[in-house]
C-alpha atoms as a PDB file:
ATOM      1  CA  MET A   1       9.842  -6.202 -59.698  1.00  0.00           C
ATOM      2  CA  ILE A   2       6.681  -6.651 -57.829  1.00  0.00           C
ATOM      3  CA  PRO A   3       6.772  -8.646 -54.877  1.00  0.00           C
ATOM      4  CA  ALA A   4       4.377 -12.007 -54.823  1.00  0.00           C
ATOM      5  CA  TYR A   5       2.464 -10.957 -52.105  1.00  0.00           C
ATOM      6  CA  LEU A   6       1.703  -7.818 -53.750  1.00  0.00           C
ATOM      7  CA  LEU A   7       1.060  -9.421 -56.786  1.00  0.00           C
ATOM      8  CA  LEU A   8      -1.372 -11.727 -55.585  1.00  0.00           C
ATOM      9  CA  VAL A   9      -3.113  -8.928 -53.703  1.00  0.00           C
ATOM     10  CA  ILE A  10      -3.582  -7.184 -57.125  1.00  0.00           C
ATOM     11  CA  LEU A  11      -4.813 -10.361 -58.739  1.00  0.00           C
ATOM     12  CA  THR A  12      -7.369 -10.626 -56.186  1.00  0.00           C
ATOM     13  CA  VAL A  13      -8.834  -7.286 -56.233  1.00  0.00           C
ATOM     14  CA  LEU A  14      -9.065  -7.540 -60.190  1.00  0.00           C
ATOM     15  CA  GLY A  15     -10.671 -10.796 -60.008  1.00  0.00           C
ATOM     16  CA  LEU A  16     -13.282  -9.518 -57.467  1.00  0.00           C
ATOM     17  CA  TRP A  17     -14.043  -6.696 -59.552  1.00  0.00           C
ATOM     18  CA  VAL A  18     -14.573  -8.802 -62.786  1.00  0.00           C
ATOM     19  CA  LEU A  19     -16.593 -11.001 -60.525  1.00  0.00           C
ATOM     20  CA  LEU A  20     -18.559  -8.150 -59.394  1.00  0.00           C
ATOM     21  CA  ARG A  21     -19.274  -6.589 -62.784  1.00  0.00           C
ATOM     22  CA  HIS A  22     -20.312  -9.769 -64.184  1.00  0.00           C
ATOM     23  CA  MET A  23     -22.941 -10.242 -61.248  1.00  0.00           C
ATOM     24  CA  LYS A  24     -24.246  -6.402 -61.169  1.00  0.00           C
ATOM     25  CA  ARG A  25     -23.713  -5.479 -65.276  1.00  0.00           C
ATOM     26  CA  ILE A  26     -23.699  -8.889 -67.246  1.00  0.00           C
ATOM     27  CA  GLU A  27     -25.434 -11.627 -65.911  1.00  0.00           C
ATOM     28  CA  PRO A  28     -28.723  -9.948 -64.873  1.00  0.00           C
ATOM     29  CA  GLU A  29     -28.805  -8.582 -68.646  1.00  0.00           C
ATOM     30  CA  ARG A  30     -28.894 -12.235 -70.110  1.00  0.00           C
ATOM     31  CA  VAL A  31     -32.487 -12.760 -69.633  1.00  0.00           C
ATOM     32  CA  GLU A  32     -33.300 -16.315 -70.615  1.00  0.00           C
ATOM     33  CA  ILE A  33     -36.732 -17.135 -72.251  1.00  0.00           C
ATOM     34  CA  VAL A  34     -37.434 -20.529 -71.313  1.00  0.00           C
ATOM     35  CA  ARG A  35     -39.949 -22.670 -73.643  1.00  0.00           C
ATOM     36  CA  ARG A  36     -41.465 -25.331 -72.188  1.00  0.00           C
ATOM     37  CA  GLU A  37     -44.862 -27.533 -72.728  1.00  0.00           C
ATOM     38  CA  ILE A  38     -46.843 -28.368 -69.889  1.00  0.00           C
ATOM     39  CA  VAL A  39     -48.986 -31.701 -70.549  1.00  0.00           C
ATOM     40  CA  SER A  40     -52.105 -32.408 -68.496  1.00  0.00           C
ATOM     41  CA  GLY A  41     -54.342 -35.272 -68.545  1.00  0.00           C
ATOM     42  CA  ALA A  42     -57.317 -32.764 -67.381  1.00  0.00           C
ATOM     43  CA  LEU A  43     -56.590 -30.013 -69.983  1.00  0.00           C
ATOM     44  CA  PRO A  44     -59.553 -29.645 -72.288  1.00  0.00           C
ATOM     45  CA  ALA A  45     -59.366 -29.312 -75.815  1.00  0.00           C
ATOM     46  CA  GLU A  46     -60.393 -25.661 -76.214  1.00  0.00           C
ATOM     47  CA  LEU A  47     -56.602 -24.921 -74.093  1.00  0.00           C
ATOM     48  CA  ASP A  48     -54.503 -27.060 -75.922  1.00  0.00           C
ATOM     49  CA  GLY A  49     -51.710 -24.999 -77.470  1.00  0.00           C
ATOM     50  CA  MET A  50     -52.299 -22.203 -75.196  1.00  0.00           C
ATOM     51  CA  THR A  51     -49.114 -20.291 -74.384  1.00  0.00           C
ATOM     52  CA  LEU A  52     -48.789 -18.544 -71.007  1.00  0.00           C
ATOM     53  CA  CYS A  53     -45.927 -15.795 -70.501  1.00  0.00           C
ATOM     54  CA  HIS A  54     -44.875 -15.739 -66.620  1.00  0.00           C
ATOM     55  CA  VAL A  55     -43.386 -12.519 -65.657  1.00  0.00           C
ATOM     56  CA  SER A  56     -42.156 -12.401 -62.163  1.00  0.00           C
ATOM     57  CA  ASP A  57     -40.458 -10.367 -59.878  1.00  0.00           C
ATOM     58  CA  LEU A  58     -39.612  -7.598 -61.910  1.00  0.00           C
ATOM     59  CA  HIS A  59     -38.236  -4.927 -59.277  1.00  0.00           C
ATOM     60  CA  ILE A  60     -38.719  -2.141 -61.656  1.00  0.00           C
ATOM     61  CA  THR A  61     -37.139   1.000 -59.703  1.00  0.00           C
ATOM     62  CA  GLU A  62     -36.037   4.563 -60.827  1.00  0.00           C
ATOM     63  CA  ASP A  63     -32.566   3.015 -61.336  1.00  0.00           C
ATOM     64  CA  LEU A  64     -33.216   1.476 -64.730  1.00  0.00           C
ATOM     65  CA  ARG A  65     -31.052  -1.835 -63.976  1.00  0.00           C
ATOM     66  CA  ASN A  66     -32.145  -4.556 -66.582  1.00  0.00           C
ATOM     67  CA  SER A  67     -35.498  -3.231 -67.057  1.00  0.00           C
ATOM     68  CA  ARG A  68     -34.527  -2.693 -71.064  1.00  0.00           C
ATOM     69  CA  ALA A  69     -33.373  -5.824 -71.592  1.00  0.00           C
ATOM     70  CA  VAL A  70     -36.482  -7.629 -69.731  1.00  0.00           C
ATOM     71  CA  ALA A  71     -38.739  -5.457 -72.218  1.00  0.00           C
ATOM     72  CA  ASP A  72     -36.709  -6.625 -75.288  1.00  0.00           C
ATOM     73  CA  ALA A  73     -36.939 -10.057 -74.124  1.00  0.00           C
ATOM     74  CA  LEU A  74     -40.971  -9.583 -73.594  1.00  0.00           C
ATOM     75  CA  ARG A  75     -41.003  -7.797 -77.040  1.00  0.00           C
ATOM     76  CA  SER A  76     -39.716 -11.211 -78.627  1.00  0.00           C
ATOM     77  CA  VAL A  77     -42.252 -13.548 -77.528  1.00  0.00           C
ATOM     78  CA  ARG A  78     -45.823 -14.026 -78.002  1.00  0.00           C
ATOM     79  CA  ALA A  79     -48.436 -15.533 -75.625  1.00  0.00           C
ATOM     80  CA  ASP A  80     -52.063 -15.808 -75.477  1.00  0.00           C
ATOM     81  CA  LEU A  81     -52.042 -14.879 -71.884  1.00  0.00           C
ATOM     82  CA  TYR A  82     -49.345 -13.089 -69.611  1.00  0.00           C
ATOM     83  CA  LEU A  83     -49.372 -13.450 -66.126  1.00  0.00           C
ATOM     84  CA  LEU A  84     -47.270 -11.184 -63.598  1.00  0.00           C
ATOM     85  CA  THR A  85     -46.766 -12.763 -60.314  1.00  0.00           C
ATOM     86  CA  GLY A  86     -45.718  -9.895 -58.249  1.00  0.00           C
ATOM     87  CA  ASP A  87     -43.138  -8.116 -56.897  1.00  0.00           C
ATOM     88  CA  MET A  88     -43.560  -5.621 -59.850  1.00  0.00           C
ATOM     89  CA  ILE A  89     -41.641  -2.784 -57.934  1.00  0.00           C
ATOM     90  CA  HIS A  90     -38.726  -1.737 -55.985  1.00  0.00           C
ATOM     91  CA  GLY A  91     -39.575   0.694 -53.372  1.00  0.00           C
ATOM     92  CA  ARG A  92     -42.167   3.501 -53.487  1.00  0.00           C
ATOM     93  CA  LYS A  93     -40.546   5.334 -56.203  1.00  0.00           C
ATOM     94  CA  GLY A  94     -40.630   2.115 -58.095  1.00  0.00           C
ATOM     95  CA  ILE A  95     -44.500   2.694 -58.966  1.00  0.00           C
ATOM     96  CA  ALA A  96     -43.580   5.940 -61.181  1.00  0.00           C
ATOM     97  CA  ALA A  97     -40.961   4.051 -62.562  1.00  0.00           C
ATOM     98  CA  LEU A  98     -43.409   1.020 -63.466  1.00  0.00           C
ATOM     99  CA  ASP A  99     -45.673   3.341 -64.904  1.00  0.00           C
ATOM    100  CA  ARG A 100     -42.999   4.498 -67.295  1.00  0.00           C
ATOM    101  CA  TRP A 101     -42.023   1.323 -68.106  1.00  0.00           C
ATOM    102  CA  LEU A 102     -45.280  -0.256 -68.744  1.00  0.00           C
ATOM    103  CA  GLY A 103     -45.805   2.778 -71.107  1.00  0.00           C
ATOM    104  CA  GLU A 104     -42.691   1.703 -73.124  1.00  0.00           C
ATOM    105  CA  VAL A 105     -43.551  -1.910 -73.308  1.00  0.00           C
ATOM    106  CA  GLY A 106     -47.263  -0.909 -74.521  1.00  0.00           C
ATOM    107  CA  GLY A 107     -49.305  -3.733 -75.464  1.00  0.00           C
ATOM    108  CA  ASP A 108     -46.559  -6.086 -75.571  1.00  0.00           C
ATOM    109  CA  ILE A 109     -47.752  -7.879 -72.328  1.00  0.00           C
ATOM    110  CA  LEU A 110     -51.568  -8.099 -72.986  1.00  0.00           C
ATOM    111  CA  PRO A 111     -53.784  -9.487 -72.305  1.00  0.00           C
ATOM    112  CA  ALA A 112     -52.361  -9.722 -68.707  1.00  0.00           C
ATOM    113  CA  ILE A 113     -53.473 -10.856 -65.225  1.00  0.00           C
ATOM    114  CA  ALA A 114     -51.178  -9.725 -62.053  1.00  0.00           C
ATOM    115  CA  VAL A 115     -51.075 -10.692 -58.346  1.00  0.00           C
ATOM    116  CA  PHE A 116     -49.313  -8.442 -55.700  1.00  0.00           C
ATOM    117  CA  GLY A 117     -46.097  -9.595 -54.010  1.00  0.00           C
ATOM    118  CA  ASN A 118     -44.430  -8.657 -50.537  1.00  0.00           C
ATOM    119  CA  ALA A 119     -42.915  -5.775 -52.457  1.00  0.00           C
ATOM    120  CA  GLU A 120     -46.371  -4.121 -53.258  1.00  0.00           C
ATOM    121  CA  HIS A 121     -47.164  -4.632 -49.388  1.00  0.00           C
ATOM    122  CA  LYS A 122     -44.094  -2.863 -48.138  1.00  0.00           C
ATOM    123  CA  PRO A 123     -44.064  -0.066 -45.856  1.00  0.00           C
ATOM    124  CA  ARG A 124     -45.349   3.438 -47.228  1.00  0.00           C
ATOM    125  CA  ILE A 125     -46.413   1.555 -50.532  1.00  0.00           C
ATOM    126  CA  ASN A 126     -50.048   1.614 -51.176  1.00  0.00           C
ATOM    127  CA  PRO A 127     -51.169  -1.412 -52.993  1.00  0.00           C
ATOM    128  CA  ASN A 128     -53.996   0.680 -54.524  1.00  0.00           C
ATOM    129  CA  ASP A 129     -51.342   2.987 -56.190  1.00  0.00           C
ATOM    130  CA  VAL A 130     -49.813   0.174 -57.706  1.00  0.00           C
ATOM    131  CA  ARG A 131     -53.268  -1.226 -58.924  1.00  0.00           C
ATOM    132  CA  THR A 132     -54.195   1.905 -60.489  1.00  0.00           C
ATOM    133  CA  VAL A 133     -50.847   2.096 -62.631  1.00  0.00           C
ATOM    134  CA  LEU A 134     -51.364  -1.601 -63.630  1.00  0.00           C
ATOM    135  CA  GLU A 135     -54.981  -1.324 -64.631  1.00  0.00           C
ATOM    136  CA  GLY A 136     -54.427   1.996 -66.244  1.00  0.00           C
ATOM    137  CA  HIS A 137     -52.096  -0.075 -69.074  1.00  0.00           C
ATOM    138  CA  GLY A 138     -54.692  -3.101 -69.066  1.00  0.00           C
ATOM    139  CA  VAL A 139     -53.429  -5.252 -66.582  1.00  0.00           C
ATOM    140  CA  ARG A 140     -56.206  -6.829 -64.545  1.00  0.00           C
ATOM    141  CA  VAL A 141     -55.302  -7.283 -60.906  1.00  0.00           C
ATOM    142  CA  LEU A 142     -56.735 -10.261 -58.905  1.00  0.00           C
ATOM    143  CA  ALA A 143     -56.403  -9.961 -54.944  1.00  0.00           C
ATOM    144  CA  ASN A 144     -57.976 -13.011 -53.687  1.00  0.00           C
ATOM    145  CA  GLN A 145     -60.288 -13.314 -56.358  1.00  0.00           C
ATOM    146  CA  ARG A 146     -61.139 -15.375 -59.302  1.00  0.00           C
ATOM    147  CA  GLU A 147     -61.726 -14.602 -62.860  1.00  0.00           C
ATOM    148  CA  ILE A 148     -62.862 -16.506 -65.975  1.00  0.00           C
ATOM    149  CA  VAL A 149     -60.301 -15.076 -68.711  1.00  0.00           C
ATOM    150  CA  GLU A 150     -62.066 -14.673 -72.100  1.00  0.00           C
ATOM    151  CA  LEU A 151     -59.564 -15.219 -75.083  1.00  0.00           C
ATOM    152  CA  THR A 152     -60.412 -15.888 -78.810  1.00  0.00           C
ATOM    153  CA  HIS A 153     -62.335 -18.994 -78.877  1.00  0.00           C
ATOM    154  CA  ARG A 154     -61.298 -20.324 -75.621  1.00  0.00           C
ATOM    155  CA  SER A 155     -61.505 -19.322 -71.634  1.00  0.00           C
ATOM    156  CA  ILE A 156     -59.624 -20.032 -68.652  1.00  0.00           C
ATOM    157  CA  GLN A 157     -60.284 -19.929 -64.805  1.00  0.00           C
ATOM    158  CA  VAL A 158     -57.581 -18.101 -63.105  1.00  0.00           C
ATOM    159  CA  ILE A 159     -57.349 -17.759 -59.467  1.00  0.00           C
ATOM    160  CA  GLY A 160     -55.241 -14.812 -58.152  1.00  0.00           C
ATOM    161  CA  ILE A 161     -54.366 -15.078 -54.581  1.00  0.00           C
ATOM    162  CA  ASP A 162     -52.614 -12.286 -52.764  1.00  0.00           C
ATOM    163  CA  ASP A 163     -49.314 -12.554 -51.236  1.00  0.00           C
ATOM    164  CA  PRO A 164     -48.618 -15.223 -48.757  1.00  0.00           C
ATOM    165  CA  HIS A 165     -45.203 -14.358 -47.732  1.00  0.00           C
ATOM    166  CA  SER A 166     -46.526 -10.727 -46.208  1.00  0.00           C
ATOM    167  CA  ARG A 167     -49.651 -12.817 -45.095  1.00  0.00           C
ATOM    168  CA  HIS A 168     -52.265 -10.967 -47.274  1.00  0.00           C
ATOM    169  CA  SER A 169     -53.511 -14.457 -49.010  1.00  0.00           C
ATOM    170  CA  ARG A 170     -57.014 -15.252 -48.168  1.00  0.00           C
ATOM    171  CA  VAL A 171     -57.558 -18.591 -50.219  1.00  0.00           C
ATOM    172  CA  ALA A 172     -61.324 -19.184 -49.235  1.00  0.00           C
ATOM    173  CA  ALA A 173     -62.013 -15.724 -50.566  1.00  0.00           C
ATOM    174  CA  ALA A 174     -60.246 -16.463 -53.633  1.00  0.00           C
ATOM    175  CA  TYR A 175     -61.947 -19.582 -54.401  1.00  0.00           C
ATOM    176  CA  SER A 176     -65.537 -18.419 -53.131  1.00  0.00           C
ATOM    177  CA  GLU A 177     -66.796 -18.110 -56.659  1.00  0.00           C
ATOM    178  CA  ALA A 178     -64.398 -21.081 -58.409  1.00  0.00           C
ATOM    179  CA  ASP A 179     -65.878 -23.822 -60.689  1.00  0.00           C
ATOM    180  CA  SER A 180     -64.049 -26.969 -59.291  1.00  0.00           C
ATOM    181  CA  LYS A 181     -65.334 -28.639 -62.752  1.00  0.00           C
ATOM    182  CA  LEU A 182     -62.997 -25.890 -64.706  1.00  0.00           C
ATOM    183  CA  TRP A 183     -59.185 -26.477 -65.466  1.00  0.00           C
ATOM    184  CA  THR A 184     -57.837 -24.208 -62.980  1.00  0.00           C
ATOM    185  CA  LEU A 185     -54.771 -21.815 -63.406  1.00  0.00           C
ATOM    186  CA  VAL A 186     -53.459 -20.355 -59.847  1.00  0.00           C
ATOM    187  CA  LEU A 187     -51.385 -17.234 -59.363  1.00  0.00           C
ATOM    188  CA  ILE A 188     -49.359 -16.869 -55.901  1.00  0.00           C
ATOM    189  CA  HIS A 189     -46.401 -14.635 -55.527  1.00  0.00           C
ATOM    190  CA  SER A 190     -44.502 -17.106 -53.425  1.00  0.00           C
ATOM    191  CA  PRO A 191     -44.264 -20.901 -53.592  1.00  0.00           C
ATOM    192  CA  GLU A 192     -44.999 -21.261 -50.050  1.00  0.00           C
ATOM    193  CA  GLY A 193     -48.408 -20.351 -50.823  1.00  0.00           C
ATOM    194  CA  VAL A 194     -49.234 -24.114 -51.845  1.00  0.00           C
ATOM    195  CA  LEU A 195     -49.091 -24.870 -48.201  1.00  0.00           C
ATOM    196  CA  GLU A 196     -52.461 -23.081 -48.011  1.00  0.00           C
ATOM    197  CA  LEU A 197     -54.517 -24.629 -50.799  1.00  0.00           C
ATOM    198  CA  ASP A 198     -55.851 -27.234 -48.674  1.00  0.00           C
ATOM    199  CA  GLY A 199     -56.780 -29.893 -51.185  1.00  0.00           C
ATOM    200  CA  ARG A 200     -58.730 -27.208 -53.523  1.00  0.00           C
ATOM    201  CA  ARG A 201     -58.767 -27.489 -57.595  1.00  0.00           C
ATOM    202  CA  VAL A 202     -55.334 -26.413 -58.904  1.00  0.00           C
ATOM    203  CA  ASP A 203     -54.104 -27.806 -62.075  1.00  0.00           C
ATOM    204  CA  LEU A 204     -51.151 -25.161 -62.342  1.00  0.00           C
ATOM    205  CA  VAL A 205     -49.719 -22.870 -59.973  1.00  0.00           C
ATOM    206  CA  LEU A 206     -47.401 -20.234 -61.260  1.00  0.00           C
ATOM    207  CA  SER A 207     -45.007 -18.490 -58.780  1.00  0.00           C
ATOM    208  CA  GLY A 208     -41.822 -16.502 -58.130  1.00  0.00           C
ATOM    209  CA  HIS A 209     -40.373 -14.664 -55.245  1.00  0.00           C
ATOM    210  CA  THR A 210     -37.290 -17.016 -54.803  1.00  0.00           C
ATOM    211  CA  HIS A 211     -35.422 -15.433 -57.850  1.00  0.00           C
ATOM    212  CA  GLY A 212     -34.052 -19.352 -58.007  1.00  0.00           C
ATOM    213  CA  GLY A 213     -31.658 -18.216 -55.019  1.00  0.00           C
ATOM    214  CA  GLN A 214     -30.344 -15.401 -57.164  1.00  0.00           C
ATOM    215  CA  ILE A 215     -26.677 -16.077 -56.152  1.00  0.00           C
ATOM    216  CA  LEU A 216     -25.345 -19.620 -56.675  1.00  0.00           C
ATOM    217  CA  LEU A 217     -22.168 -20.458 -54.932  1.00  0.00           C
ATOM    218  CA  PRO A 218     -20.269 -23.220 -56.444  1.00  0.00           C
ATOM    219  CA  GLY A 219     -20.440 -26.104 -54.616  1.00  0.00           C
ATOM    220  CA  ILE A 220     -22.917 -24.953 -52.342  1.00  0.00           C
ATOM    221  CA  GLY A 221     -25.685 -23.743 -54.460  1.00  0.00           C
ATOM    222  CA  TRP A 222     -28.331 -20.995 -53.201  1.00  0.00           C
ATOM    223  CA  ILE A 223     -28.090 -19.794 -49.866  1.00  0.00           C
ATOM    224  CA  SER A 224     -31.876 -18.552 -49.252  1.00  0.00           C
ATOM    225  CA  ASP A 225     -34.829 -18.374 -50.985  1.00  0.00           C
ATOM    226  CA  ASN A 226     -36.218 -15.510 -48.909  1.00  0.00           C
ATOM    227  CA  THR A 227     -39.516 -18.054 -47.610  1.00  0.00           C
ATOM    228  CA  HIS A 228     -40.607 -18.561 -44.064  1.00  0.00           C
ATOM    229  CA  ASN A 229     -41.101 -21.956 -44.886  1.00  0.00           C
ATOM    230  CA  ARG A 230     -37.971 -23.575 -46.561  1.00  0.00           C
ATOM    231  CA  ILE A 231     -39.873 -26.225 -48.368  1.00  0.00           C
ATOM    232  CA  GLY A 232     -37.220 -26.460 -51.257  1.00  0.00           C
ATOM    233  CA  LEU A 233     -39.407 -25.312 -54.038  1.00  0.00           C
ATOM    234  CA  ILE A 234     -37.018 -23.037 -55.623  1.00  0.00           C
ATOM    235  CA  SER A 235     -36.960 -22.995 -59.332  1.00  0.00           C
ATOM    236  CA  GLY A 236     -38.458 -24.575 -62.126  1.00  0.00           C
ATOM    237  CA  PHE A 237     -41.092 -27.543 -62.747  1.00  0.00           C
ATOM    238  CA  TYR A 238     -42.629 -29.424 -59.987  1.00  0.00           C
ATOM    239  CA  SER A 239     -44.869 -32.434 -60.250  1.00  0.00           C
ATOM    240  CA  GLN A 240     -47.677 -33.317 -57.550  1.00  0.00           C
ATOM    241  CA  ALA A 241     -45.011 -36.146 -56.430  1.00  0.00           C
ATOM    242  CA  ASP A 242     -42.240 -33.708 -56.245  1.00  0.00           C
ATOM    243  CA  ILE A 243     -44.730 -31.179 -54.350  1.00  0.00           C
ATOM    244  CA  ALA A 244     -45.442 -33.833 -52.078  1.00  0.00           C
ATOM    245  CA  GLU A 245     -42.051 -35.073 -51.257  1.00  0.00           C
ATOM    246  CA  LEU A 246     -40.653 -31.785 -50.734  1.00  0.00           C
ATOM    247  CA  ALA A 247     -43.280 -29.856 -49.187  1.00  0.00           C
ATOM    248  CA  GLY A 248     -45.306 -32.948 -47.407  1.00  0.00           C
ATOM    249  CA  ILE A 249     -48.622 -31.841 -49.005  1.00  0.00           C
ATOM    250  CA  ASN A 250     -51.164 -34.753 -49.763  1.00  0.00           C
ATOM    251  CA  HIS A 251     -53.384 -33.736 -52.429  1.00  0.00           C
ATOM    252  CA  GLY A 252     -51.794 -30.651 -53.308  1.00  0.00           C
ATOM    253  CA  PRO A 253     -51.570 -28.883 -56.501  1.00  0.00           C
ATOM    254  CA  VAL A 254     -51.136 -30.824 -59.559  1.00  0.00           C
ATOM    255  CA  ALA A 255     -48.248 -28.998 -60.820  1.00  0.00           C
ATOM    256  CA  LEU A 256     -46.150 -25.780 -59.755  1.00  0.00           C
ATOM    257  CA  TYR A 257     -43.754 -23.681 -61.685  1.00  0.00           C
ATOM    258  CA  VAL A 258     -41.446 -21.548 -60.058  1.00  0.00           C
ATOM    259  CA  SER A 259     -39.790 -18.635 -62.023  1.00  0.00           C
ATOM    260  CA  ARG A 260     -36.317 -17.166 -61.208  1.00  0.00           C
ATOM    261  CA  GLY A 261     -37.686 -14.171 -61.724  1.00  0.00           C
ATOM    262  CA  LEU A 262     -36.326 -11.187 -64.022  1.00  0.00           C
ATOM    263  CA  GLY A 263     -35.235  -8.496 -61.519  1.00  0.00           C
ATOM    264  CA  THR A 264     -33.176  -8.398 -58.666  1.00  0.00           C
ATOM    265  CA  SER A 265     -34.103  -7.656 -54.906  1.00  0.00           C
ATOM    266  CA  GLY A 266     -31.589  -6.657 -51.996  1.00  0.00           C
ATOM    267  CA  TRP A 267     -28.188  -6.964 -53.595  1.00  0.00           C
ATOM    268  CA  PRO A 268     -28.752  -6.075 -57.429  1.00  0.00           C
ATOM    269  CA  LEU A 269     -26.476  -8.949 -58.184  1.00  0.00           C
ATOM    270  CA  ARG A 270     -26.997 -12.328 -59.837  1.00  0.00           C
ATOM    271  CA  LEU A 271     -24.729 -15.444 -60.002  1.00  0.00           C
ATOM    272  CA  ARG A 272     -25.099 -18.701 -61.852  1.00  0.00           C
ATOM    273  CA  CYS A 273     -28.675 -17.851 -62.084  1.00  0.00           C
ATOM    274  CA  ARG A 274     -29.878 -15.861 -64.752  1.00  0.00           C
ATOM    275  CA  PRO A 275     -33.186 -13.858 -64.798  1.00  0.00           C
ATOM    276  CA  GLU A 276     -35.832 -16.144 -66.469  1.00  0.00           C
ATOM    277  CA  LEU A 277     -38.999 -15.322 -68.877  1.00  0.00           C
ATOM    278  CA  PRO A 278     -40.626 -18.826 -68.790  1.00  0.00           C
ATOM    279  CA  VAL A 279     -42.987 -19.452 -71.808  1.00  0.00           C
ATOM    280  CA  LEU A 280     -45.229 -22.275 -71.319  1.00  0.00           C
ATOM    281  CA  THR A 281     -47.593 -24.025 -73.792  1.00  0.00           C
ATOM    282  CA  LEU A 282     -50.311 -25.960 -72.367  1.00  0.00           C
ATOM    283  CA  ARG A 283     -50.710 -29.544 -73.887  1.00  0.00           C
ATOM    284  CA  ARG A 284     -53.451 -31.859 -73.783  1.00  0.00           C
ATOM    285  CA  GLU A 285     -52.288 -35.642 -73.375  1.00  0.00           C
ATOM    286  CA  GLY A 286     -52.509 -37.635 -76.478  1.00  0.00           C
ATOM    287  CA  VAL A 287     -52.282 -34.671 -78.497  1.00  0.00           C
ATOM    288  CA  ALA A 288     -48.395 -33.863 -78.221  1.00  0.00           C
ATOM    289  CA  PRO A 289     -45.561 -36.000 -77.330  1.00  0.00           C
ATOM    290  CA  THR A 290     -45.479 -35.860 -73.716  1.00  0.00           C
ATOM    291  CA  ASP A 291     -42.375 -35.427 -71.571  1.00  0.00           C
ATOM    292  CA  ARG A 292     -42.876 -36.766 -68.362  1.00  0.00           C
ATOM    293  CA  ASN A 293     -40.621 -34.103 -66.368  1.00  0.00           C
ATOM    294  CA  ASN A 294     -43.347 -31.804 -67.593  1.00  0.00           C
ATOM    295  CA  ARG A 295     -46.399 -33.943 -67.180  1.00  0.00           C
ATOM    296  CA  ILE A 296     -49.105 -32.862 -64.907  1.00  0.00           C
ATOM    297  CA  GLY A 297     -52.232 -34.784 -64.338  1.00  0.00           C
END
């Protein structure tokens, strides 16, 4: 007969093994496609119904991790515009791996706009090499730049701000050619970048970086959001009032969506925080039923 203490040790080890397997092999593969309508009072009629697919924190590396599950999720959705908000690679070898991955995904994420995250600015990483790969697959990179993205029968002003976490953001340069009369979508890798916008026109910000905490402990929640400024913008939709309350910003962005991201950084583990692929449909107020939790403007 097995002594009680030894049985307890065996069950504990088995339980930890099952938990670790879930965190490493199961939960990262369960990509959640989150569909939301974002209602804006300022949205021009031509943008009503436009769908944005927010692709954040891929962390593609030579170790496949969950990149196949992410590709499958991307192929299952259709959007008018795909927005990549940084940390597309994991380590220097991730550049070649991203090239191969984009080759497999093909045109399923086009048209697309990207900004860099801190992963693209790591030591021994040349951001221009990442740019070459992305633009070789038709993904336009904005580094503190503005672009009018022309789509069928519609256009949208997009401002791409380089990563604030690694201090590469230059907001004034990004806005130097912006038209304040146009509805404006801003891409910033880390949500802490909203602290730098300084009252400029921003109708919707898309960010990632936090991974939603990546590991959420029962009764505790997320341990770290990996930001320099812990302002509580960790995951999901935030209205202007939410941003003012949490970040203390007056006249801040009208709205912000922070993705939990698709890959993993640090330990390749997730717990109670599934990878997320947000598909956001822009709605003009008065055209579609409004959900006050998603309302902007």
